[in-house]
Protein backbone atom coordinates (compact mmCIF):
# COMPACT_ATOMS: atom_id res chain seq x y z
CA UNK A 1 -25.16 120.14 -34.65
CA UNK A 2 -25.52 117.04 -32.18
CA UNK A 3 -29.17 115.57 -31.09
CA UNK A 4 -29.55 115.17 -27.56
CA UNK A 5 -32.51 112.63 -26.53
CA UNK A 6 -33.78 112.54 -30.03
CA UNK A 7 -35.45 115.86 -30.28
CA UNK A 8 -33.27 118.71 -28.85
CA UNK A 9 -30.58 119.81 -31.33
CA UNK A 10 -27.54 121.72 -29.32
CA UNK A 11 -25.11 124.09 -31.15
CA UNK A 12 -21.70 122.48 -29.71
CA UNK A 13 -20.53 118.96 -29.02
CA UNK A 14 -20.78 117.73 -25.06
CA UNK A 15 -17.48 116.57 -23.59
CA UNK A 16 -17.15 113.27 -22.37
CA UNK A 17 -16.83 112.59 -18.76
CA UNK A 18 -13.58 113.42 -16.68
CA UNK A 19 -12.12 110.15 -15.85
CA UNK A 20 -11.52 110.02 -11.91
CA UNK A 21 -8.18 109.56 -12.14
CA UNK A 22 -7.46 113.25 -13.62
CA UNK A 23 -10.32 114.27 -11.01
CA UNK A 24 -8.29 113.39 -8.39
CA UNK A 25 -4.89 114.98 -9.26
CA UNK A 26 -6.87 118.02 -9.80
CA UNK A 27 -8.10 118.57 -6.37
CA UNK A 28 -4.75 117.20 -4.85
CA UNK A 29 -3.06 120.74 -4.85
CA UNK A 30 -6.46 122.30 -3.31
CA UNK A 31 -6.59 119.41 -0.62
CA UNK A 32 -2.80 120.13 0.37
CA UNK A 33 -3.53 123.88 0.34
CA UNK A 34 -6.36 123.78 2.58
CA UNK A 35 -4.29 120.83 5.09
CA UNK A 36 -1.58 123.75 5.14
CA UNK A 37 -3.40 126.58 5.49
CA UNK A 38 -5.19 124.55 8.86
CA UNK A 39 -2.01 123.86 9.87
CA UNK A 40 -0.35 127.24 9.65
CA UNK A 41 -3.97 128.31 11.41
CA UNK A 42 -3.64 126.07 14.37
CA UNK A 43 0.13 127.14 14.80
CA UNK A 44 -0.97 130.68 14.52
CA UNK A 45 -3.60 130.30 16.96
CA UNK A 46 -1.60 128.36 19.59
CA UNK A 47 1.22 131.24 19.17
CA UNK A 48 -1.39 133.96 19.60
CA UNK A 49 -2.45 132.35 22.78
CA UNK A 50 0.44 131.86 24.22
CA UNK A 51 1.23 135.03 23.72
CA UNK A 52 -1.81 136.52 24.83
CA UNK A 53 -1.38 134.63 28.17
CA UNK A 54 1.99 135.69 28.91
CA UNK A 55 3.43 135.15 32.27
CA UNK A 56 3.29 138.91 33.31
CA UNK A 57 -0.97 138.73 32.18
CA UNK A 58 -1.20 135.91 34.74
CA UNK A 59 0.56 137.38 37.16
CA UNK A 60 -1.03 141.08 36.93
CA UNK A 61 -4.11 138.93 37.17
CA UNK A 62 -3.27 137.00 40.43
CA UNK A 63 -2.05 140.36 41.85
CA UNK A 64 -5.50 142.02 41.07
CA UNK A 65 -7.65 139.03 42.79
CA UNK A 66 -4.85 139.21 45.70
CA UNK A 67 -6.06 143.03 46.13
CA UNK A 68 -9.95 142.69 45.84
CA UNK A 69 -10.55 139.11 47.50
CA UNK A 70 -11.34 140.64 50.74
CA UNK A 71 -13.58 143.30 49.36
CA UNK A 72 -15.62 140.70 47.20
CA UNK A 73 -16.06 138.68 49.94
CA UNK A 74 -17.21 141.09 52.22
CA UNK A 75 -19.55 142.47 49.25
CA UNK A 76 -20.83 138.89 48.69
CA UNK A 77 -22.05 138.86 52.17
CA UNK A 78 -23.58 142.08 52.35
CA UNK A 79 -25.67 140.90 49.03
CA UNK A 80 -25.66 137.74 48.72
CA UNK A 81 -25.73 136.51 52.30
CA UNK A 82 -23.27 133.54 53.78
CA UNK A 83 -23.83 130.92 50.65
CA UNK A 84 -22.54 133.70 48.58
CA UNK A 85 -19.81 134.62 50.36
CA UNK A 86 -18.76 131.07 50.38
CA UNK A 87 -19.43 130.92 46.89
CA UNK A 88 -17.14 133.96 46.41
CA UNK A 89 -14.40 132.49 48.44
CA UNK A 90 -14.36 129.18 46.41
CA UNK A 91 -14.32 130.70 43.15
CA UNK A 92 -11.41 133.16 43.80
CA UNK A 93 -9.19 130.45 45.43
CA UNK A 94 -9.81 128.24 42.59
CA UNK A 95 -9.08 130.81 40.33
CA UNK A 96 -5.88 131.53 42.41
CA UNK A 97 -5.15 127.87 42.17
CA UNK A 98 -5.65 127.60 38.49
CA UNK A 99 -3.09 130.78 37.54
CA UNK A 100 -0.54 129.60 40.13
CA UNK A 101 -0.26 125.95 38.41
CA UNK A 102 -0.52 127.33 35.03
CA UNK A 103 2.87 129.70 36.24
CA UNK A 104 4.53 126.56 38.07
CA UNK A 105 3.86 124.19 35.07
CA UNK A 106 3.97 126.16 31.77
CA UNK A 107 6.14 129.27 32.55
CA UNK A 108 8.40 127.26 35.44
CA UNK A 109 8.05 130.16 37.80
CA UNK A 110 9.49 128.01 40.70
CA UNK A 111 8.88 129.42 44.11
CA UNK A 112 5.99 131.53 43.87
CA UNK A 113 6.48 134.71 45.65
CA UNK A 114 3.88 137.03 47.49
CA UNK A 115 3.01 139.34 46.23
CA UNK A 116 3.49 138.05 42.61
CA UNK A 117 4.81 141.33 40.96
CA UNK A 118 7.42 143.26 42.62
CA UNK A 119 6.26 146.18 44.23
CA UNK A 120 7.69 149.71 42.78
CA UNK A 121 10.61 151.07 44.44
CA UNK A 122 9.54 154.52 43.79
CA UNK A 123 12.38 156.60 45.64
CA UNK A 124 14.91 154.27 43.71
CA UNK A 125 12.89 155.03 40.22
CA UNK A 126 13.05 158.65 40.74
CA UNK A 127 15.68 159.72 38.81
CA UNK A 128 16.68 163.36 38.14
CA UNK A 129 16.17 164.46 34.87
CA UNK A 130 18.27 167.86 34.86
CA UNK A 131 21.75 165.74 36.19
CA UNK A 132 24.60 165.18 33.67
CA UNK A 133 25.61 162.33 34.99
CA UNK A 134 24.11 158.70 33.75
CA UNK A 135 22.30 155.59 35.58
CA UNK A 136 25.15 153.67 35.23
CA UNK A 137 28.03 156.21 35.91
CA UNK A 138 28.44 157.08 39.67
CA UNK A 139 27.16 160.25 40.91
CA UNK A 140 29.51 163.15 41.02
CA UNK A 141 30.59 163.30 44.27
CA UNK A 142 33.22 165.11 46.92
CA UNK A 143 35.11 162.79 49.72
CA UNK A 144 36.74 164.77 52.49
CA UNK A 145 40.47 164.36 53.12
CA UNK A 146 40.27 163.59 56.80
CA UNK A 147 37.31 162.40 57.38
CA UNK A 148 36.60 160.62 54.01
CA UNK A 149 33.09 161.25 54.05
CA UNK A 150 31.16 161.52 50.76
CA UNK A 151 29.32 164.77 50.28
CA UNK A 152 27.28 165.61 46.83
CA UNK A 153 28.58 168.64 45.24
CA UNK A 154 25.95 171.67 44.99
CA UNK A 155 27.01 171.98 41.03
CA UNK A 156 25.78 168.40 40.40
CA UNK A 157 22.71 168.66 42.58
CA UNK A 158 19.35 167.53 41.14
CA UNK A 159 16.32 169.56 41.25
CA UNK A 160 14.63 169.82 44.48
CA UNK A 161 11.66 167.81 43.57
CA UNK A 162 13.68 164.75 42.32
CA UNK A 163 16.64 165.30 45.19
CA UNK A 164 16.94 162.10 47.71
CA UNK A 165 18.71 162.83 50.92
CA UNK A 166 20.23 159.60 51.45
CA UNK A 167 24.45 158.77 50.44
CA UNK A 168 25.24 158.81 46.96
CA UNK A 169 26.19 155.20 46.98
CA UNK A 170 23.21 153.92 48.71
CA UNK A 171 20.84 154.91 45.89
CA UNK A 172 23.30 152.81 43.53
CA UNK A 173 23.23 150.32 45.39
CA UNK A 174 19.48 149.65 45.71
CA UNK A 175 19.22 149.92 42.23
CA UNK A 176 22.00 147.57 41.73
CA UNK A 177 19.79 145.06 43.76
CA UNK A 178 16.37 145.69 42.31
CA UNK A 179 17.89 144.99 38.73
CA UNK A 180 19.92 141.75 39.88
CA UNK A 181 16.46 140.63 41.46
CA UNK A 182 14.18 141.28 38.62
CA UNK A 183 16.78 139.77 36.18
CA UNK A 184 17.85 136.80 37.71
CA UNK A 185 15.63 133.95 36.51
CA UNK A 186 14.08 131.73 39.37
CA UNK A 187 15.67 128.83 40.91
CA UNK A 188 14.47 125.44 38.67
CA UNK A 189 12.78 123.16 40.60
CA UNK A 190 13.04 119.09 40.56
CA UNK A 191 10.11 116.52 41.35
CA UNK A 192 10.50 116.96 45.21
CA UNK A 193 9.82 120.79 45.20
CA UNK A 194 7.48 121.06 42.44
CA UNK A 195 5.33 118.35 44.29
CA UNK A 196 5.92 120.72 47.44
CA UNK A 197 5.06 124.12 45.69
CA UNK A 198 1.81 122.09 44.42
CA UNK A 199 1.09 121.43 47.81
CA UNK A 200 1.33 125.11 48.85
CA UNK A 201 -1.10 125.97 46.06
CA UNK A 202 -3.84 123.70 46.91
CA UNK A 203 -3.94 123.97 50.48
CA UNK A 204 -6.66 126.49 50.17
CA UNK A 205 -8.56 124.05 48.15
CA UNK A 206 -8.22 120.95 50.57
CA UNK A 207 -9.33 123.35 53.41
CA UNK A 208 -12.31 124.64 51.49
CA UNK A 209 -13.12 120.84 50.51
CA UNK A 210 -12.42 119.46 53.93
CA UNK A 211 -14.82 122.59 55.76
CA UNK A 212 -17.62 121.40 52.92
CA UNK A 213 -17.02 117.65 54.36
CA UNK A 214 -16.46 118.20 58.31
CA UNK A 215 -17.78 121.81 59.02
CA UNK A 216 -16.15 124.96 60.58
CA UNK A 217 -16.07 123.75 64.04
CA UNK A 218 -14.60 120.44 63.27
CA UNK A 219 -10.66 120.13 64.14
CA UNK A 220 -9.94 118.44 60.38
CA UNK A 221 -9.71 121.24 58.45
CA UNK A 222 -7.17 122.77 60.33
CA UNK A 223 -4.95 119.62 61.01
CA UNK A 224 -5.16 119.29 57.28
CA UNK A 225 -4.08 122.31 56.39
CA UNK A 226 -1.79 123.09 58.67
CA UNK A 227 -0.01 119.30 57.50
CA UNK A 228 -0.03 120.06 54.12
CA UNK A 229 1.91 123.66 55.08
CA UNK A 230 4.32 121.90 57.38
CA UNK A 231 5.12 119.35 54.70
CA UNK A 232 5.60 121.49 51.68
CA UNK A 233 7.80 124.08 54.00
CA UNK A 234 10.14 120.67 54.97
CA UNK A 235 10.27 119.38 51.33
CA UNK A 236 11.72 122.93 49.96
CA UNK A 237 13.69 123.94 53.07
CA UNK A 238 16.51 121.14 51.25
CA UNK A 239 16.56 123.45 48.31
CA UNK A 240 19.93 124.97 48.08
CA UNK A 241 21.04 128.05 45.96
CA UNK A 242 18.15 130.07 46.10
CA UNK A 243 17.59 133.56 45.22
CA UNK A 244 16.89 136.47 47.94
CA UNK A 245 13.17 136.87 47.24
CA UNK A 246 12.70 132.98 47.30
CA UNK A 247 14.28 132.61 50.74
CA UNK A 248 12.71 135.21 51.75
CA UNK A 249 9.45 133.79 50.73
CA UNK A 250 10.19 130.29 52.30
CA UNK A 251 11.01 132.89 55.67
CA UNK A 252 7.65 134.70 55.45
CA UNK A 253 5.38 131.01 55.09
CA UNK A 254 7.12 129.89 58.40
CA UNK A 255 6.35 132.79 60.24
CA UNK A 256 2.50 132.62 58.66
CA UNK A 257 2.76 129.63 60.58
CA UNK A 258 1.85 131.89 63.76
CA UNK A 259 -1.46 132.61 61.90
CA UNK A 260 -2.78 129.01 62.93
CA UNK A 261 -2.79 130.12 66.41
CA UNK A 262 -5.53 132.58 64.91
CA UNK A 263 -7.62 130.64 63.07
CA UNK A 264 -10.54 128.41 64.03
CA UNK A 265 -11.41 126.28 66.24
CA UNK A 266 -7.88 126.74 68.01
CA UNK A 267 -8.96 130.30 68.25
CA UNK A 268 -12.45 130.04 69.66
CA UNK A 269 -11.31 127.30 71.94
CA UNK A 270 -7.95 128.79 73.38
CA UNK A 271 -6.47 131.69 71.63
CA UNK A 272 -9.18 134.20 71.72
CA UNK A 273 -9.48 134.30 76.04
CA UNK A 274 -5.68 134.73 76.32
CA UNK A 275 -5.01 137.20 73.68
CA UNK A 276 -7.62 139.33 75.03
CA UNK A 277 -6.73 139.10 78.70
CA UNK A 278 -3.19 140.02 77.79
CA UNK A 279 -4.41 142.75 75.59
CA UNK A 280 -6.98 144.05 78.46
CA UNK A 281 -3.80 143.53 81.08
CA UNK A 282 -1.75 145.65 79.09
CA UNK A 283 -4.09 148.32 78.67
CA UNK A 284 -5.10 148.66 82.09
CA UNK A 285 -1.41 148.77 83.86
CA UNK A 286 0.63 150.26 81.31
CA UNK A 287 0.31 153.80 80.19
CA UNK A 288 -0.04 154.85 76.39
CA UNK A 289 -0.53 151.36 75.41
CA UNK A 290 -4.89 151.14 75.49
CA UNK A 291 -4.48 153.79 72.60
CA UNK A 292 -3.38 150.57 70.99
CA UNK A 293 -4.81 147.84 72.82
CA UNK A 294 -8.32 148.73 72.89
CA UNK A 295 -8.79 149.58 69.34
CA UNK A 296 -7.06 146.16 68.86
CA UNK A 297 -9.28 144.34 71.16
CA UNK A 298 -12.39 145.33 68.86
CA UNK A 299 -10.81 144.57 65.35
CA UNK A 300 -9.71 141.62 66.14
CA UNK A 301 -12.66 139.73 66.21
CA UNK A 302 -13.75 141.13 63.31
CA UNK A 303 -10.52 140.42 61.43
CA UNK A 304 -10.65 136.92 62.62
CA UNK A 305 -14.05 136.35 60.60
CA UNK A 306 -13.02 137.40 57.34
CA UNK A 307 -11.60 134.36 55.74
CA UNK A 308 -8.88 136.06 53.54
CA UNK A 309 -7.60 137.82 56.26
CA UNK A 310 -7.20 134.56 58.37
CA UNK A 311 -6.65 131.89 55.61
CA UNK A 312 -6.03 133.71 52.79
């Protein structure tokens, strides 16, 4: 028995205090375990975050925004008025710019095409389910001895709902082209091309910012946007060895420069009267043209007022 405090007797001996050195050695493995768990958790979180933000998901979100932007603009104007309309426009353009910059800087997608996701060619994807030939094998056909004309044999023809009415080689060529386009990696961009693509991505935000500073009737937003677009195209025009989709995208951007004729304030001061006069002249003097020209005359002013039609 050992007395504690002079009066209380305990039936056991009190152990001596644990030395500090022993305590540190005991807690060291636990500390290392916690650090390793924290590091592994951080790496796993980063990996899961990158997997969740995959390139395909970002492209899908970008495609969805491009599909619903006009509807959201018109809905916001109907519900919240002009202030809500411009707020929705700014939020959508900001979201698109963030997604495009993330794709450009992080995933190295190069020149970003429009639409972001390649449309599905349903004629090419519709494969016969009851044929004996595979996708990679040539389709059985008969070649005429004199005309050298390729004709599909009746024995190997697919069912009626999956039959295509073109030449057998045409489908194979389209399939090979589509597979090559999907499998071809984007062209890596240098510093100059990256700056040019960044200018193209930031152009809508610069235009909205200049609209807020100088107003819709000012020439400054129109001129600033045009200078940015032409600078981006001029910097990208020097790039060689582009893929087919990238060349088509640059051609599309060049053609879209004609939209500046339909954008305010140039449209309000110069283009509107001349375009409507030309359509009226064609509708009055050429039979049949009025069926197209008169509805276009009624639709053009409404089209021009929607931001994502003219500036999107």
